[in-house]
Amino acid sequence: MRISSAMLRTATRYGLKPFLGPPWPVVFQRAWLRLVANVNSPSPDAETEWISMGDVRALVARPRGERPTRSVLYMHGGGYCVGSPSTHKGLVTHLAVAAGASVYVPDYRLAPEHPHPAALEDGLNAYRWMLDHQSSPKRIALAGDSAGGGLALATALAIRDEALPQPVAVVLISPWTDLNCNSPSRTDNAKIDPMIRTSWSKRCAAFYLDGRPLDDPACSPLFADHKGLPAMLIQVGTDEVLIDDATALADQCQAAGVDVTLEIYDGMWHVFQSSVGAIEEADQAIEKIANFLGSRWS
C-alpha cells in the first residue's frame, strides 16, 4: 500500500522512536521492533529461506523462481542490540528483486548478551562461507544499514586486514560509524529526526563496547584506516542524527583513495529505505543501490 512520506514520518516518530531506548528494556525493544517491522511488506516478487552459513543462521532473499549468482551479504541494523533478519525482510526482499541478487542476512549475535567482537566474528565467518560457496568474490557485495552499516564497514576492514579476497563493493545505508555519539548533527537534528534518540544510541554503544574505547576502530570504523577498501555507496537523509557519521566517512574514504559515492536525500530520515514499496523516495533509493551494484558486478 502506497502512503505519503509525511504520514510515514509521523507514524515513525510516535510509533517507534519513543520505544527504542531508555526506559524500555532491550527485550521489550526487540519485541516492539518485530511488531512494528510488519508494516514493511516483503516484495511479492521475492522468496526467502533460512540457511546455515557455517555457524551463523541466515535469511536468504531471492527473486522468485531464480538462483542468482550475484550476492549481497547484508548486515541488519538495530544498534547492535535489537533487530534481526526478519525485521528487515521488507527491505532485503525488495533489494533482491531490484538488484537481481541473492541477499544473505546473517542473524548475528546481539549485545548485551554478546558484545563485540561477536557480531564482527559472525559477519566475517558469513563472508568466509560465501567465498566457499561463490564462484568469485567479484560477484559478492557487502551492505548494511545503521549499526549494520557500521558492521558491514568493519567487516570490509577485517577482510582487507586478513588479506581475504575482497568484495566488489560496499553499500552503507545511514551507517553508524562513530560510537562516541557526539557529532554536531546529534544535537542539530535531535528534534527533527523521527526515529533515533541519542540516549538509545549511547546505551547500545555501552552494551556493544563492553568497556572498550569509544573510538576503537573495530567498533567505530570512522576511526579506521580506509585505504584499499572496495568501491562504496553511502546513502543518508538530511533529517537524521547520523548524517555526520556518513559525511565524515565519505570525506575520509575519499582522502584515502576509495571510490566513494555519497547520496544525501533531502527531508528524509534514518533508513527510510526500509519503507520501499510504500513511499516513492525509498523506491528510488533502492533502485540507485541496484544500479550501483550492477555497475560493479562482473
Protein backbone atom coordinates (compact mmCIF):
# COMPACT_ATOMS: atom_id res chain seq x y z
CA MET A 1 0.00 0.00 0.00
CA ARG A 2 1.35 3.41 -1.02
CA ILE A 3 1.32 6.17 1.60
CA SER A 4 2.81 9.64 1.82
CA SER A 5 6.27 10.10 3.30
CA ALA A 6 4.81 12.71 5.69
CA MET A 7 2.35 10.17 7.09
CA LEU A 8 5.04 7.55 7.47
CA ARG A 9 7.36 10.02 9.16
CA THR A 10 4.68 10.83 11.74
CA ALA A 11 3.97 7.16 12.35
CA THR A 12 7.68 6.52 12.93
CA ARG A 13 8.01 9.44 15.33
CA TYR A 14 5.17 8.30 17.55
CA GLY A 15 5.12 4.56 16.97
CA LEU A 16 8.81 3.67 17.12
CA LYS A 17 11.09 6.41 18.44
CA PRO A 18 9.66 6.57 21.99
CA PHE A 19 10.08 2.81 22.44
CA LEU A 20 13.70 2.46 21.40
CA GLY A 21 15.98 3.16 24.34
CA PRO A 22 15.51 4.06 28.00
CA PRO A 23 13.44 3.31 30.00
CA TRP A 24 12.45 0.26 27.97
CA PRO A 25 14.48 -2.94 28.47
CA VAL A 26 16.19 -4.50 25.46
CA VAL A 27 13.85 -7.49 25.45
CA PHE A 28 10.85 -5.16 25.06
CA GLN A 29 12.60 -3.14 22.33
CA ARG A 30 13.26 -6.31 20.35
CA ALA A 31 9.64 -7.40 20.60
CA TRP A 32 8.31 -3.96 19.71
CA LEU A 33 10.58 -3.65 16.66
CA ARG A 34 9.46 -7.08 15.45
CA LEU A 35 5.86 -5.90 15.69
CA VAL A 36 6.40 -2.52 14.03
CA ALA A 37 8.53 -4.01 11.24
CA ASN A 38 5.49 -5.92 10.00
CA VAL A 39 4.31 -2.75 8.25
CA ASN A 40 7.28 -3.06 5.85
CA SER A 41 5.84 -5.61 3.46
CA PRO A 42 8.14 -8.04 1.63
CA SER A 43 8.26 -7.90 -2.14
CA PRO A 44 5.67 -10.24 -3.68
CA ASP A 45 8.25 -11.00 -6.37
CA ALA A 46 10.75 -12.47 -3.89
CA GLU A 47 11.11 -15.72 -1.99
CA THR A 48 13.01 -16.38 1.22
CA GLU A 49 14.52 -19.29 3.10
CA TRP A 50 16.60 -19.84 6.22
CA ILE A 51 20.01 -21.46 5.83
CA SER A 52 23.18 -22.03 7.86
CA MET A 53 26.25 -20.07 6.84
CA GLY A 54 28.61 -22.25 8.82
CA ASP A 55 27.82 -21.44 12.45
CA VAL A 56 25.65 -18.44 11.52
CA ARG A 57 21.95 -18.77 10.78
CA ALA A 58 20.81 -16.51 7.94
CA LEU A 59 17.81 -15.45 5.89
CA VAL A 60 18.27 -15.53 2.12
CA ALA A 61 16.07 -13.42 -0.17
CA ARG A 62 15.98 -14.02 -3.93
CA PRO A 63 13.83 -13.06 -6.91
CA ARG A 64 11.07 -15.64 -7.03
CA GLY A 65 12.00 -18.75 -9.00
CA GLU A 66 15.59 -17.64 -9.59
CA ARG A 67 19.02 -18.60 -8.23
CA PRO A 68 21.17 -15.55 -8.97
CA THR A 69 24.94 -15.90 -8.81
CA ARG A 70 25.29 -12.27 -7.72
CA SER A 71 25.11 -11.96 -3.94
CA VAL A 72 24.86 -9.37 -1.18
CA LEU A 73 25.93 -10.04 2.40
CA TYR A 74 23.59 -7.68 4.28
CA MET A 75 24.00 -6.69 7.95
CA HIS A 76 20.74 -5.59 9.55
CA GLY A 77 20.55 -2.52 11.76
CA GLY A 78 19.32 -2.17 15.33
CA GLY A 79 22.07 -0.60 17.41
CA TYR A 80 23.85 -3.97 17.79
CA CYS A 81 21.16 -4.80 20.38
CA VAL A 82 17.85 -5.24 18.52
CA GLY A 83 16.71 -6.20 15.04
CA SER A 84 17.03 -9.42 13.07
CA PRO A 85 16.83 -10.69 9.50
CA SER A 86 13.06 -10.92 9.99
CA THR A 87 12.69 -7.22 10.88
CA HIS A 88 14.46 -6.36 7.62
CA LYS A 89 12.62 -8.78 5.35
CA GLY A 90 10.80 -5.95 3.58
CA LEU A 91 13.97 -4.08 2.67
CA VAL A 92 16.10 -7.05 1.66
CA THR A 93 13.43 -8.75 -0.48
CA HIS A 94 12.90 -5.57 -2.47
CA LEU A 95 16.66 -5.17 -2.79
CA ALA A 96 17.00 -8.74 -4.03
CA VAL A 97 14.42 -8.16 -6.75
CA ALA A 98 15.78 -4.75 -7.79
CA ALA A 99 19.38 -5.98 -7.95
CA GLY A 100 18.63 -9.44 -9.32
CA ALA A 101 20.67 -10.92 -6.49
CA SER A 102 20.62 -13.32 -3.60
CA VAL A 103 20.71 -11.28 -0.39
CA TYR A 104 22.10 -13.09 2.66
CA VAL A 105 21.18 -11.61 6.06
CA PRO A 106 23.08 -13.26 8.93
CA ASP A 107 21.36 -13.46 12.30
CA TYR A 108 24.49 -12.20 14.04
CA ARG A 109 24.77 -12.24 17.81
CA LEU A 110 23.49 -9.19 19.67
CA ALA A 111 24.60 -7.22 22.72
CA PRO A 112 24.35 -7.04 25.68
CA GLU A 113 24.40 -10.85 25.76
CA HIS A 114 27.13 -10.92 23.12
CA PRO A 115 29.24 -7.73 22.99
CA HIS A 116 32.00 -7.02 20.48
CA PRO A 117 33.62 -8.92 18.80
CA ALA A 118 30.74 -11.42 18.48
CA ALA A 119 28.87 -9.57 15.70
CA LEU A 120 32.07 -8.92 13.75
CA GLU A 121 33.12 -12.56 14.09
CA ASP A 122 29.74 -13.66 12.75
CA GLY A 123 29.92 -11.22 9.85
CA LEU A 124 33.42 -12.32 8.91
CA ASN A 125 32.53 -16.02 9.19
CA ALA A 126 29.47 -15.46 6.99
CA TYR A 127 31.70 -13.83 4.38
CA ARG A 128 34.14 -16.73 4.52
CA TRP A 129 31.19 -19.08 3.94
CA MET A 130 30.19 -17.04 0.89
CA LEU A 131 33.72 -17.27 -0.50
CA ASP A 132 33.46 -21.05 -0.22
CA HIS A 133 30.08 -21.10 -1.96
CA GLN A 134 30.52 -18.45 -4.66
CA SER A 135 32.39 -18.68 -7.94
CA SER A 136 34.09 -15.34 -7.43
CA PRO A 137 34.29 -12.53 -4.84
CA LYS A 138 33.66 -10.22 -7.81
CA ARG A 139 30.04 -11.34 -7.52
CA ILE A 140 29.79 -10.54 -3.80
CA ALA A 141 28.94 -7.16 -2.25
CA LEU A 142 28.67 -6.10 1.39
CA ALA A 143 25.81 -3.92 2.63
CA GLY A 144 24.09 -2.83 5.82
CA ASP A 145 22.01 -0.16 7.49
CA SER A 146 22.58 1.84 10.68
CA ALA A 147 24.62 -0.30 13.09
CA GLY A 148 24.58 -2.91 10.35
CA GLY A 149 26.24 -0.33 8.12
CA GLY A 150 28.97 0.10 10.71
CA LEU A 151 29.27 -3.67 10.95
CA ALA A 152 29.46 -4.07 7.17
CA LEU A 153 32.25 -1.50 7.09
CA ALA A 154 34.07 -3.16 9.99
CA THR A 155 33.71 -6.49 8.16
CA ALA A 156 35.18 -4.98 4.99
CA LEU A 157 38.13 -3.69 7.03
CA ALA A 158 38.66 -7.10 8.62
CA ILE A 159 38.52 -8.75 5.19
CA ARG A 160 41.22 -6.36 3.97
CA ASP A 161 43.39 -6.80 7.05
CA GLU A 162 43.19 -10.60 6.86
CA ALA A 163 44.09 -10.46 3.15
CA LEU A 164 40.95 -12.31 2.12
CA PRO A 165 39.60 -11.82 -1.41
CA GLN A 166 37.69 -8.54 -1.28
CA PRO A 167 34.05 -8.00 -2.22
CA VAL A 168 33.38 -5.94 -5.30
CA ALA A 169 31.52 -3.15 -3.46
CA VAL A 170 30.17 -1.90 -0.12
CA VAL A 171 26.76 -0.22 0.30
CA LEU A 172 26.04 1.64 3.55
CA ILE A 173 22.59 2.98 4.44
CA SER A 174 22.64 5.60 7.23
CA PRO A 175 25.75 3.95 8.71
CA TRP A 176 26.55 4.33 12.41
CA THR A 177 30.32 4.71 12.29
CA ASP A 178 31.13 6.72 15.44
CA LEU A 179 30.04 5.29 18.79
CA ASN A 180 31.05 8.49 20.59
CA CYS A 181 27.61 9.87 19.62
CA ASN A 182 28.87 13.45 19.94
CA SER A 183 28.90 14.82 16.38
CA PRO A 184 27.13 18.17 15.74
CA SER A 185 24.22 16.51 13.92
CA ARG A 186 23.45 14.56 17.10
CA THR A 187 22.37 17.90 18.58
CA ASP A 188 21.33 19.83 15.48
CA ASN A 189 18.93 17.11 14.23
CA ALA A 190 17.79 15.72 17.57
CA LYS A 191 14.31 17.24 17.26
CA ILE A 192 13.70 16.60 13.58
CA ASP A 193 14.99 13.00 13.48
CA PRO A 194 11.75 10.96 13.81
CA MET A 195 13.48 7.69 14.71
CA ILE A 196 16.76 7.84 16.66
CA ARG A 197 17.28 9.11 20.21
CA THR A 198 20.90 9.66 21.20
CA SER A 199 20.15 8.25 24.66
CA TRP A 200 19.34 4.96 22.91
CA SER A 201 22.50 5.11 20.82
CA LYS A 202 24.65 5.68 23.90
CA ARG A 203 23.03 2.78 25.75
CA CYS A 204 23.54 0.48 22.77
CA ALA A 205 27.15 1.62 22.37
CA ALA A 206 27.88 0.84 26.01
CA PHE A 207 26.37 -2.63 25.66
CA TYR A 208 28.26 -3.38 22.46
CA LEU A 209 31.63 -1.97 23.54
CA ASP A 210 31.56 -3.65 26.96
CA GLY A 211 34.32 -1.41 28.30
CA ARG A 212 36.28 -0.90 25.07
CA PRO A 213 37.21 2.63 23.99
CA LEU A 214 34.51 4.54 22.11
CA ASP A 215 36.91 5.16 19.24
CA ASP A 216 38.05 1.55 18.84
CA PRO A 217 38.16 1.34 15.02
CA ALA A 218 36.76 -2.21 15.03
CA CYS A 219 33.61 -0.81 16.68
CA SER A 220 33.70 2.79 15.43
CA PRO A 221 35.06 2.27 11.90
CA LEU A 222 35.08 6.00 11.22
CA PHE A 223 38.46 5.98 13.00
CA ALA A 224 39.96 3.18 10.91
CA ASP A 225 42.43 3.43 8.05
CA HIS A 226 40.21 3.19 4.96
CA LYS A 227 42.88 2.67 2.33
CA GLY A 228 42.31 -0.23 -0.01
CA LEU A 229 38.56 -0.62 0.54
CA PRO A 230 36.27 -1.54 -2.37
CA ALA A 231 34.05 0.95 -4.18
CA MET A 232 31.47 2.33 -1.76
CA LEU A 233 27.99 3.84 -1.92
CA ILE A 234 26.68 5.72 1.13
CA GLN A 235 23.05 6.87 1.44
CA VAL A 236 21.83 9.15 4.22
CA GLY A 237 18.96 11.58 4.91
CA THR A 238 19.29 15.24 5.84
CA ASP A 239 16.98 14.86 8.85
CA GLU A 240 18.83 12.21 10.83
CA VAL A 241 21.24 12.48 13.72
CA LEU A 242 23.67 10.17 11.93
CA ILE A 243 24.24 12.35 8.87
CA ASP A 244 27.64 13.47 10.21
CA ASP A 245 28.71 9.82 10.54
CA ALA A 246 28.00 9.35 6.84
CA THR A 247 29.51 12.57 5.53
CA ALA A 248 32.65 12.27 7.67
CA LEU A 249 33.13 8.71 6.46
CA ALA A 250 32.72 9.75 2.83
CA ASP A 251 35.32 12.51 3.27
CA GLN A 252 37.81 10.17 4.90
CA CYS A 253 37.32 7.44 2.32
CA GLN A 254 37.80 9.91 -0.49
CA ALA A 255 41.01 11.17 1.14
CA ALA A 256 42.19 7.56 1.41
CA GLY A 257 41.66 6.99 -2.31
CA VAL A 258 38.46 4.94 -2.06
CA ASP A 259 35.98 5.22 -4.92
CA VAL A 260 33.11 6.54 -2.79
CA THR A 261 29.70 7.92 -3.77
CA LEU A 262 27.63 9.85 -1.20
CA GLU A 263 23.90 10.32 -1.78
CA ILE A 264 22.07 12.70 0.57
CA TYR A 265 18.26 12.62 0.48
CA ASP A 266 16.62 15.91 1.38
CA GLY A 267 13.98 15.73 4.09
CA MET A 268 14.45 12.01 4.68
CA TRP A 269 15.07 10.18 7.93
CA HIS A 270 17.07 7.26 9.25
CA VAL A 271 16.89 4.18 6.99
CA PHE A 272 13.82 5.43 5.14
CA GLN A 273 14.75 2.78 2.57
CA SER A 274 13.05 0.21 4.82
CA SER A 275 9.74 1.61 3.52
CA VAL A 276 10.47 0.52 -0.06
CA GLY A 277 7.23 -0.40 -1.74
CA ALA A 278 5.34 2.15 0.36
CA ILE A 279 6.96 5.52 -0.45
CA GLU A 280 8.48 6.75 -3.70
CA GLU A 281 11.66 8.07 -2.10
CA ALA A 282 12.54 4.61 -0.76
CA ASP A 283 11.84 3.00 -4.13
CA GLN A 284 14.20 5.45 -5.83
CA ALA A 285 16.96 4.87 -3.26
CA ILE A 286 16.79 1.08 -3.61
CA GLU A 287 16.87 1.42 -7.38
CA LYS A 288 20.03 3.52 -7.11
CA ILE A 289 21.62 0.85 -4.93
CA ALA A 290 20.70 -1.77 -7.52
CA ASN A 291 22.19 0.34 -10.31
CA PHE A 292 25.38 0.89 -8.33
CA LEU A 293 25.79 -2.82 -7.69
CA GLY A 294 25.00 -3.65 -11.29
CA SER A 295 27.81 -1.37 -12.45
CA ARG A 296 30.29 -3.15 -10.16
CA TRP A 297 29.43 -6.83 -10.54
CA SER A 298 31.25 -8.74 -13.27
